[in-house]
N, C-alpha and C. Protein backbone atom coordinates (compact mmCIF):
# COMPACT_ATOMS: atom_id res chain seq x y z
N MET A 1 42.46 0.35 -11.16
CA MET A 1 41.42 1.05 -11.42
C MET A 1 41.79 2.81 -11.69
N LEU A 2 43.02 3.21 -10.25
CA LEU A 2 43.80 5.01 -10.36
C LEU A 2 44.07 4.60 -11.94
N ALA A 3 45.13 3.72 -12.30
CA ALA A 3 46.04 3.94 -13.39
C ALA A 3 44.96 3.93 -14.64
N ASP A 4 44.32 3.35 -14.61
CA ASP A 4 43.19 3.31 -15.97
C ASP A 4 42.38 5.38 -15.73
N LEU A 5 42.16 5.54 -14.83
CA LEU A 5 41.22 7.08 -14.38
C LEU A 5 42.40 8.10 -14.51
N TRP A 6 43.93 7.59 -14.31
CA TRP A 6 44.58 9.09 -14.14
C TRP A 6 45.50 8.91 -15.30
N ALA A 7 45.06 8.28 -16.31
CA ALA A 7 45.63 7.65 -17.65
C ALA A 7 46.65 9.07 -18.35
N ASP A 8 45.67 9.84 -18.40
CA ASP A 8 46.29 10.96 -19.38
C ASP A 8 47.36 11.98 -18.81
N ALA A 9 46.92 11.73 -17.25
CA ALA A 9 48.32 12.05 -16.10
C ALA A 9 49.72 11.89 -16.12
N LEU A 10 49.84 10.80 -16.65
CA LEU A 10 50.86 9.55 -16.07
C LEU A 10 51.45 9.79 -17.38
N ARG A 11 52.77 9.49 -17.24
CA ARG A 11 53.96 9.50 -18.12
C ARG A 11 53.49 8.86 -19.19
N ARG A 12 54.15 9.04 -20.34
CA ARG A 12 53.79 7.96 -21.40
C ARG A 12 55.16 6.80 -20.95
N ALA A 13 54.25 5.14 -20.79
CA ALA A 13 54.81 4.30 -20.61
C ALA A 13 54.17 3.09 -20.93
N ASP A 14 54.68 1.94 -20.72
CA ASP A 14 53.93 0.91 -20.83
C ASP A 14 52.62 0.76 -19.52
N LYS A 15 51.66 0.37 -19.70
CA LYS A 15 50.85 -0.24 -18.78
C LYS A 15 51.38 -0.36 -17.22
N HIS A 16 52.58 -1.46 -17.53
CA HIS A 16 53.12 -1.69 -15.76
C HIS A 16 53.80 -1.00 -15.58
N ASP A 17 54.06 -0.02 -16.03
CA ASP A 17 55.06 1.65 -15.55
C ASP A 17 53.91 2.55 -14.87
N GLN A 18 53.13 2.39 -15.75
CA GLN A 18 52.49 3.29 -15.42
C GLN A 18 51.26 3.09 -13.60
N VAL A 19 51.10 1.47 -13.62
CA VAL A 19 50.59 0.89 -12.48
C VAL A 19 52.15 0.65 -11.40
N ALA A 20 52.98 0.71 -11.47
CA ALA A 20 54.04 0.99 -10.79
C ALA A 20 54.36 2.37 -10.53
N ASP A 21 53.99 3.09 -11.30
CA ASP A 21 54.08 4.92 -11.01
C ASP A 21 53.00 5.06 -9.90
N VAL A 22 51.72 4.67 -10.01
CA VAL A 22 50.48 4.82 -8.94
C VAL A 22 50.51 4.21 -8.07
N GLU A 23 51.43 2.86 -7.70
CA GLU A 23 51.25 2.32 -6.73
C GLU A 23 52.17 3.02 -5.83
N LEU A 24 53.00 3.95 -6.45
CA LEU A 24 54.12 4.83 -5.48
C LEU A 24 54.00 5.71 -5.20
N VAL A 25 52.95 6.36 -6.08
CA VAL A 25 52.13 7.88 -5.52
C VAL A 25 50.87 7.38 -4.24
N ILE A 26 50.22 5.96 -4.36
CA ILE A 26 49.61 5.41 -3.36
C ILE A 26 50.23 5.26 -2.11
N LYS A 27 51.92 4.75 -1.77
CA LYS A 27 52.47 4.39 -0.97
C LYS A 27 52.70 5.68 -0.46
N THR A 28 53.53 6.69 -1.12
CA THR A 28 53.93 7.73 -0.64
C THR A 28 52.80 8.72 0.02
N ALA A 29 51.77 8.87 -0.16
CA ALA A 29 50.30 9.21 0.27
C ALA A 29 49.82 8.60 1.67
N ALA A 30 49.98 7.43 1.67
CA ALA A 30 49.70 6.28 2.96
C ALA A 30 50.81 6.87 4.17
N GLN A 31 51.70 7.49 3.64
CA GLN A 31 52.93 7.61 4.37
C GLN A 31 52.75 9.16 5.07
N SER A 32 52.41 9.98 4.26
CA SER A 32 52.51 11.20 4.52
C SER A 32 51.20 11.93 4.96
N PRO A 33 51.03 13.03 6.02
CA PRO A 33 49.88 13.35 6.68
C PRO A 33 49.44 14.38 5.87
N GLU A 34 49.85 15.01 4.71
CA GLU A 34 50.19 16.35 3.89
C GLU A 34 49.71 15.48 2.76
N GLN A 35 49.39 14.38 2.40
CA GLN A 35 48.69 13.74 0.99
C GLN A 35 47.36 12.93 1.52
N ARG A 36 46.83 12.75 0.82
CA ARG A 36 45.50 12.05 0.51
C ARG A 36 45.59 11.71 -0.74
N ILE A 37 44.96 10.45 -1.02
CA ILE A 37 43.91 9.91 -1.92
C ILE A 37 42.33 9.85 -1.32
N VAL A 38 41.57 10.58 -2.40
CA VAL A 38 40.27 10.28 -1.86
C VAL A 38 39.83 9.23 -4.01
N VAL A 39 39.10 8.46 -2.98
CA VAL A 39 38.18 7.66 -4.48
C VAL A 39 36.95 7.77 -4.44
N ALA A 40 35.96 8.02 -5.20
CA ALA A 40 34.66 8.73 -5.03
C ALA A 40 33.85 7.41 -5.56
N GLU A 41 33.21 6.98 -5.14
CA GLU A 41 31.99 5.76 -5.35
C GLU A 41 30.48 6.31 -5.84
N TYR A 42 29.83 5.32 -6.56
CA TYR A 42 28.48 5.63 -7.05
C TYR A 42 28.05 4.30 -7.29
N ASP A 43 27.07 4.38 -6.61
CA ASP A 43 26.13 2.82 -6.24
C ASP A 43 27.47 1.76 -6.17
N GLY A 44 28.38 2.03 -5.22
CA GLY A 44 29.07 0.67 -4.80
C GLY A 44 30.31 0.50 -5.95
N ASN A 45 30.60 1.55 -7.24
CA ASN A 45 31.40 1.47 -7.89
C ASN A 45 32.48 2.59 -7.94
N PRO A 46 33.71 2.76 -7.99
CA PRO A 46 34.33 3.72 -8.30
C PRO A 46 34.04 4.68 -9.59
N ALA A 47 34.07 5.46 -9.14
CA ALA A 47 33.67 6.74 -10.08
C ALA A 47 34.29 7.66 -10.22
N GLY A 48 35.04 8.06 -9.28
CA GLY A 48 36.06 9.32 -9.80
C GLY A 48 37.25 8.87 -8.26
N ALA A 49 38.23 10.37 -8.67
CA ALA A 49 39.62 9.91 -7.69
C ALA A 49 40.17 11.23 -7.48
N VAL A 50 40.92 11.87 -7.20
CA VAL A 50 41.80 12.74 -6.79
C VAL A 50 42.72 12.80 -5.54
N LEU A 51 43.99 12.88 -6.18
CA LEU A 51 45.77 13.13 -5.37
C LEU A 51 44.99 14.92 -4.76
N LEU A 52 44.79 14.79 -3.08
CA LEU A 52 44.93 15.87 -2.46
C LEU A 52 46.81 16.05 -2.18
N ARG A 53 47.18 17.18 -1.83
CA ARG A 53 48.81 17.31 -1.41
C ARG A 53 48.83 18.66 -0.78
N VAL A 54 49.40 18.93 0.29
CA VAL A 54 49.89 20.55 0.78
C VAL A 54 51.20 20.73 0.27
N SER A 55 50.83 21.99 -0.25
CA SER A 55 52.05 22.33 -0.52
C SER A 55 52.16 23.83 -0.84
N THR A 56 52.91 24.94 -1.29
CA THR A 56 52.89 26.02 -1.34
C THR A 56 52.36 26.17 -2.93
N LEU A 57 51.95 27.59 -2.43
CA LEU A 57 51.06 28.28 -4.00
C LEU A 57 52.16 27.68 -5.08
N ASN A 58 53.18 28.03 -4.59
CA ASN A 58 54.18 28.02 -5.86
C ASN A 58 55.78 28.48 -5.07
N PRO A 59 56.89 28.02 -5.76
CA PRO A 59 57.96 28.13 -5.31
C PRO A 59 58.37 29.90 -4.57
N LEU A 60 57.53 30.74 -5.49
CA LEU A 60 57.97 32.08 -4.56
C LEU A 60 57.03 32.76 -3.51
N ASN A 61 55.68 32.13 -3.65
CA ASN A 61 54.94 32.01 -2.82
C ASN A 61 54.74 31.26 -1.78
N PRO A 62 55.05 31.63 -0.51
CA PRO A 62 55.31 30.35 0.40
C PRO A 62 54.06 29.87 1.13
N ASP A 63 52.85 31.03 0.48
CA ASP A 63 51.19 30.49 1.23
C ASP A 63 51.00 29.25 1.18
N LEU A 64 50.48 28.68 2.13
CA LEU A 64 50.12 26.84 1.66
C LEU A 64 48.90 26.89 1.16
N THR A 65 49.07 25.95 0.52
CA THR A 65 47.87 25.75 -0.43
C THR A 65 46.93 24.14 -0.53
N VAL A 66 46.09 23.58 -0.70
CA VAL A 66 45.79 22.12 -0.87
C VAL A 66 45.99 22.04 -2.20
N GLN A 67 46.42 21.33 -3.08
CA GLN A 67 46.99 21.14 -4.43
C GLN A 67 45.61 19.64 -4.46
N ALA A 68 44.57 19.83 -5.51
CA ALA A 68 43.69 18.67 -6.05
C ALA A 68 44.35 18.56 -7.25
N LEU A 69 45.46 17.47 -7.04
CA LEU A 69 46.19 16.98 -8.48
C LEU A 69 45.07 15.97 -9.05
N SER A 70 44.71 16.50 -10.65
CA SER A 70 44.19 14.91 -11.24
C SER A 70 42.91 15.20 -11.00
N PRO A 71 41.59 15.26 -10.50
CA PRO A 71 40.63 15.31 -10.17
C PRO A 71 40.02 14.76 -11.56
N HIS A 72 39.14 13.57 -11.39
CA HIS A 72 39.04 12.87 -12.75
C HIS A 72 37.85 12.41 -12.27
N VAL A 73 36.98 12.20 -13.02
CA VAL A 73 35.47 11.54 -12.97
C VAL A 73 35.27 10.69 -14.50
N LEU A 74 34.66 9.71 -13.51
CA LEU A 74 34.88 8.69 -15.34
C LEU A 74 33.59 9.30 -16.09
N PRO A 75 33.92 8.91 -17.49
CA PRO A 75 32.79 9.58 -18.07
C PRO A 75 30.98 9.05 -17.34
N LYS A 76 30.98 8.33 -17.34
CA LYS A 76 29.13 7.48 -17.44
C LYS A 76 28.64 7.60 -15.63
N TYR A 77 30.16 8.79 -14.72
CA TYR A 77 28.99 8.57 -13.66
C TYR A 77 29.66 10.67 -13.88
N ARG A 78 29.65 11.15 -14.83
CA ARG A 78 29.69 12.34 -15.18
C ARG A 78 28.03 13.55 -14.82
N ARG A 79 28.38 14.17 -13.81
CA ARG A 79 26.93 14.89 -13.58
C ARG A 79 26.07 14.41 -12.73
N HIS A 80 26.60 13.70 -11.70
CA HIS A 80 25.64 12.76 -10.85
C HIS A 80 26.57 13.23 -9.20
N GLY A 81 27.14 14.33 -9.29
CA GLY A 81 27.66 15.12 -8.21
C GLY A 81 29.26 13.94 -7.71
N VAL A 82 29.84 13.82 -8.52
CA VAL A 82 31.31 12.80 -8.14
C VAL A 82 31.91 13.90 -8.33
N GLY A 83 32.32 14.47 -9.06
CA GLY A 83 33.28 15.93 -9.08
C GLY A 83 33.03 16.84 -7.94
N ARG A 84 32.04 17.38 -7.45
CA ARG A 84 31.35 18.06 -6.55
C ARG A 84 31.49 17.62 -4.96
N ALA A 85 31.53 16.41 -5.12
CA ALA A 85 32.59 15.22 -3.63
C ALA A 85 33.93 15.26 -3.43
N LEU A 86 34.36 15.30 -4.94
CA LEU A 86 35.64 15.43 -4.51
C LEU A 86 36.66 16.46 -4.32
N MET A 87 35.65 17.61 -4.78
CA MET A 87 36.39 19.31 -4.53
C MET A 87 35.82 19.33 -3.25
N GLU A 88 34.71 19.16 -2.73
CA GLU A 88 34.05 19.09 -0.89
C GLU A 88 35.59 18.42 -0.26
N ALA A 89 35.97 17.16 -0.60
CA ALA A 89 37.34 16.37 -0.16
C ALA A 89 37.95 17.37 0.03
N ALA A 90 38.18 17.83 -1.07
CA ALA A 90 39.62 18.73 -0.66
C ALA A 90 39.09 19.82 0.21
N VAL A 91 38.55 20.50 0.13
CA VAL A 91 38.16 21.54 1.11
C VAL A 91 38.30 21.20 2.31
N THR A 92 37.39 20.10 2.72
CA THR A 92 37.55 19.42 3.68
C THR A 92 39.12 18.82 4.57
N PHE A 93 40.01 18.41 3.60
CA PHE A 93 41.35 18.54 3.87
C PHE A 93 41.90 19.36 3.94
N ALA A 94 41.43 20.65 3.59
CA ALA A 94 42.08 22.09 3.70
C ALA A 94 42.28 22.46 5.07
N GLU A 95 40.69 22.32 5.35
CA GLU A 95 40.16 22.66 6.56
C GLU A 95 40.94 21.87 7.91
N GLU A 96 40.90 20.76 7.53
CA GLU A 96 41.83 20.10 8.64
C GLU A 96 43.26 20.14 8.70
N GLN A 97 44.04 20.78 7.33
CA GLN A 97 45.26 20.74 7.42
C GLN A 97 45.69 22.60 8.34
N GLY A 98 44.60 22.90 8.31
CA GLY A 98 44.23 24.53 8.27
C GLY A 98 45.28 25.10 6.98
N VAL A 99 45.04 24.77 6.25
CA VAL A 99 45.14 25.44 4.73
C VAL A 99 43.83 26.46 4.71
N GLY A 100 44.58 27.48 3.95
CA GLY A 100 43.56 28.43 3.48
C GLY A 100 43.27 28.69 1.83
N HIS A 101 44.21 28.30 0.75
CA HIS A 101 43.92 27.79 -0.69
C HIS A 101 43.17 26.55 -0.96
N VAL A 102 42.65 26.44 -1.88
CA VAL A 102 42.81 25.26 -3.08
C VAL A 102 43.04 25.53 -4.32
N ALA A 103 43.70 24.80 -4.89
CA ALA A 103 44.28 24.89 -6.45
C ALA A 103 44.22 23.54 -6.94
N THR A 104 43.54 23.87 -7.97
CA THR A 104 43.47 22.50 -9.02
C THR A 104 43.61 23.22 -10.03
N ALA A 105 43.70 21.75 -11.20
CA ALA A 105 43.96 22.09 -12.55
C ALA A 105 43.39 21.11 -13.75
N ALA A 106 42.86 21.76 -14.67
CA ALA A 106 41.86 21.34 -15.15
C ALA A 106 43.03 20.86 -17.11
N THR A 107 42.63 19.81 -17.92
CA THR A 107 43.37 20.02 -18.42
C THR A 107 42.80 20.99 -19.66
N SER A 108 43.58 21.50 -20.36
CA SER A 108 43.18 22.75 -21.16
C SER A 108 42.04 22.41 -22.51
N GLY A 109 41.69 21.34 -22.96
CA GLY A 109 41.07 20.52 -23.40
C GLY A 109 39.87 19.91 -23.08
N SER A 110 39.64 20.42 -21.76
CA SER A 110 38.48 19.68 -21.33
C SER A 110 37.82 21.05 -20.83
N ARG A 111 36.94 21.58 -21.87
CA ARG A 111 35.81 22.63 -21.64
C ARG A 111 34.79 22.57 -19.93
N ASP A 112 34.45 21.41 -20.50
CA ASP A 112 33.39 20.71 -19.20
C ASP A 112 34.27 20.89 -17.90
N ALA A 113 35.45 20.34 -17.77
CA ALA A 113 35.83 20.57 -16.44
C ALA A 113 36.48 22.11 -15.97
N ASN A 114 36.95 22.70 -17.12
CA ASN A 114 36.95 24.16 -16.86
C ASN A 114 36.26 24.59 -16.24
N ARG A 115 34.97 24.50 -17.25
CA ARG A 115 33.31 25.36 -16.87
C ARG A 115 33.22 24.91 -15.40
N PHE A 116 33.16 23.63 -14.98
CA PHE A 116 32.74 22.83 -13.98
C PHE A 116 33.87 23.98 -12.58
N MET A 117 35.14 24.01 -12.78
CA MET A 117 36.09 24.26 -12.03
C MET A 117 35.64 26.03 -11.35
N ALA A 118 35.10 26.71 -12.82
CA ALA A 118 35.04 28.05 -12.80
C ALA A 118 33.87 28.48 -12.04
N ARG A 119 32.56 27.49 -12.59
CA ARG A 119 30.79 27.32 -11.36
C ARG A 119 31.42 27.31 -9.74
N LEU A 120 32.53 26.65 -9.69
CA LEU A 120 33.19 26.67 -8.22
C LEU A 120 33.27 27.45 -7.61
N GLY A 121 34.09 28.29 -8.37
CA GLY A 121 34.90 30.10 -7.95
C GLY A 121 36.25 30.07 -8.10
N LEU A 122 36.75 28.77 -8.74
CA LEU A 122 38.13 28.43 -8.75
C LEU A 122 38.26 29.25 -10.27
N GLY A 123 39.16 30.53 -9.98
CA GLY A 123 40.49 31.29 -11.16
C GLY A 123 41.31 31.27 -11.64
N PRO A 124 41.31 31.23 -12.97
CA PRO A 124 42.90 31.26 -12.96
C PRO A 124 44.13 31.71 -12.70
N GLN A 125 44.92 31.17 -11.86
CA GLN A 125 45.95 31.62 -11.56
C GLN A 125 47.33 31.76 -12.16
N ALA A 126 47.29 30.59 -13.40
CA ALA A 126 48.55 30.46 -14.29
C ALA A 126 48.16 29.47 -15.14
N VAL A 127 48.36 30.22 -16.60
CA VAL A 127 48.65 28.67 -17.39
C VAL A 127 50.22 27.71 -17.55
N LEU A 128 50.01 26.67 -17.02
CA LEU A 128 50.68 25.90 -17.19
C LEU A 128 51.18 25.47 -19.09
N ARG A 129 52.46 25.36 -19.42
CA ARG A 129 52.45 25.43 -20.58
C ARG A 129 53.75 24.32 -20.58
N VAL A 130 53.50 23.12 -21.62
CA VAL A 130 54.25 21.97 -21.58
C VAL A 130 55.10 21.80 -22.84
N ALA A 131 55.91 21.83 -23.26
CA ALA A 131 56.93 21.12 -24.69
C ALA A 131 58.13 20.61 -24.11
N SER A 132 58.39 19.42 -25.56
CA SER A 132 59.58 18.40 -24.73
C SER A 132 60.44 19.64 -25.52
N THR A 133 61.26 19.22 -24.13
CA THR A 133 62.99 19.55 -24.69
C THR A 133 63.31 19.70 -26.18
N HIS A 134 63.33 19.11 -26.86
CA HIS A 134 63.51 19.08 -28.25
C HIS A 134 62.92 20.05 -29.09
N ALA A 135 61.72 19.96 -28.96
CA ALA A 135 60.55 20.65 -29.97
C ALA A 135 61.10 22.37 -29.15
N LEU A 136 61.33 22.65 -27.85
CA LEU A 136 61.78 24.30 -27.14
C LEU A 136 62.94 24.43 -28.43
N ARG A 137 63.89 23.78 -28.04
CA ARG A 137 65.22 24.29 -28.19
C ARG A 137 64.86 24.41 -30.11
N ALA A 138 64.02 23.86 -30.90
CA ALA A 138 64.13 23.74 -32.30
C ALA A 138 63.26 24.85 -32.58
N ARG A 139 62.41 25.42 -31.65
CA ARG A 139 61.73 26.47 -31.81
C ARG A 139 62.49 27.73 -31.18
N LEU A 140 63.40 27.74 -30.43
CA LEU A 140 64.19 28.78 -29.98
C LEU A 140 65.12 29.45 -30.79
N THR A 141 65.76 28.33 -31.42
CA THR A 141 66.64 28.19 -32.56
C THR A 141 66.12 29.10 -33.69
N ALA A 142 65.20 28.56 -34.03
CA ALA A 142 64.20 28.71 -35.07
C ALA A 142 63.85 30.63 -35.17
N LEU A 143 63.72 30.73 -34.10
CA LEU A 143 63.12 32.74 -33.89
C LEU A 143 64.50 33.03 -33.84
N ARG A 144 65.77 32.85 -33.59
CA ARG A 144 67.02 33.70 -33.64
C ARG A 144 67.75 33.82 -34.32
N PRO A 145 67.84 35.19 -34.76
CA PRO A 145 67.91 35.64 -36.15
C PRO A 145 69.25 35.21 -36.73
N ALA A 146 69.33 35.28 -38.11
CA ALA A 146 70.01 34.50 -38.82
C ALA A 146 71.34 34.74 -38.70
N HIS A 147 72.50 35.80 -38.11
CA HIS A 147 73.57 36.28 -37.26
C HIS A 147 74.04 35.01 -36.43
N GLU A 148 72.91 35.11 -35.54
CA GLU A 148 73.38 34.33 -34.27
C GLU A 148 72.90 32.52 -34.94
N ARG A 149 72.87 32.31 -35.57
CA ARG A 149 72.61 30.55 -35.76
C ARG A 149 74.00 30.50 -36.51
N GLY A 150 74.83 30.92 -37.27
CA GLY A 150 75.70 30.62 -37.91
C GLY A 150 76.47 29.36 -37.23
N GLY A 151 77.16 29.54 -36.00
CA GLY A 151 78.15 29.18 -35.43
C GLY A 151 77.54 28.74 -33.74
N ARG A 152 78.54 28.04 -33.14
CA ARG A 152 78.22 28.04 -31.73
C ARG A 152 78.73 29.06 -31.21
N GLN A 153 77.76 29.87 -30.36
CA GLN A 153 78.28 31.24 -29.52
C GLN A 153 78.90 30.54 -28.19
N LEU A 154 79.57 31.86 -27.62
CA LEU A 154 80.55 31.32 -26.55
C LEU A 154 79.43 30.71 -25.35
N THR A 155 78.10 31.38 -25.33
CA THR A 155 77.28 30.81 -24.19
C THR A 155 76.84 29.21 -24.97
N GLN A 156 76.78 29.26 -26.03
CA GLN A 156 76.33 27.67 -25.83
C GLN A 156 77.38 26.68 -25.28
N VAL A 157 78.94 27.20 -25.95
CA VAL A 157 80.15 26.52 -25.88
C VAL A 157 79.96 26.21 -24.10
N LEU A 158 80.04 27.31 -23.12
CA LEU A 158 80.29 28.01 -21.93
C LEU A 158 79.23 26.36 -21.45
N ALA A 159 77.85 26.40 -21.93
CA ALA A 159 76.87 25.70 -21.04
C ALA A 159 77.37 24.28 -21.47
N ALA A 160 77.81 24.08 -22.57
CA ALA A 160 78.04 22.73 -23.16
C ALA A 160 79.42 22.07 -22.09
N ARG A 161 80.13 23.05 -22.03
CA ARG A 161 81.04 22.67 -20.93
C ARG A 161 81.22 22.18 -19.61
N ARG A 162 79.85 22.96 -19.36
CA ARG A 162 79.42 22.97 -17.87
C ARG A 162 78.73 21.40 -17.69
N SER A 163 78.16 21.32 -18.85
CA SER A 163 76.99 19.80 -19.28
C SER A 163 77.93 19.06 -18.74
N GLN A 164 78.82 19.06 -19.36
CA GLN A 164 80.09 17.82 -19.71
C GLN A 164 80.71 17.88 -18.50
N ARG A 165 81.40 18.51 -17.56
CA ARG A 165 81.75 18.85 -16.05
C ARG A 165 80.64 17.81 -15.56
N ARG A 166 79.86 18.60 -15.57
CA ARG A 166 78.68 17.71 -14.33
C ARG A 166 78.37 16.68 -14.85
N SER A 167 78.47 16.09 -15.74
CA SER A 167 77.90 14.28 -16.57
C SER A 167 79.36 13.50 -16.06
N GLN A 168 80.43 14.07 -16.39
CA GLN A 168 81.84 13.51 -15.48
C GLN A 168 81.74 13.48 -14.03
N ALA A 169 81.60 14.36 -13.42
CA ALA A 169 81.37 14.60 -11.46
C ALA A 169 80.49 13.78 -11.13
N ALA A 170 78.94 13.10 -12.12
CA ALA A 170 77.84 12.66 -11.62
C ALA A 170 78.65 11.07 -11.92
N GLY A 171 79.21 10.60 -13.03
CA GLY A 171 79.77 9.25 -13.61
C GLY A 171 80.97 8.88 -12.57
């Protein structure tokens, strides 16, 4: 059920690997007092879930926060209080842990989820942007001035040598 619910957040892999990933998340959360998985039910049916985790606000800011990761409500249960219940569980967990902040993220294309989070008073802290390494390298190369794109620059040669040394040391 959780693999289906969190399908958009899981790595792109076959269903078996995604289920294995979710099983590992469940096992890790069960063993940690700083993590909790909350599954919401509606009329006895699973309706939504969220992974709660105590962490720092970010690597540069040591303030603790409860991260409400991948809060998701199944479409047929939206607008029935399930999302509110998941976020209430996040606040309760934060209070139990003595943590003063709750953070979450909604996918950029989910207008309803972003509006819902804003109505709850969650303001934007940062925008997380993601690209594949290959795509980013291609864009960075394309943005270089023409005279820099000709041959390998010294920094690229040095980086390649470091990478080879690390690979040889690991192997």
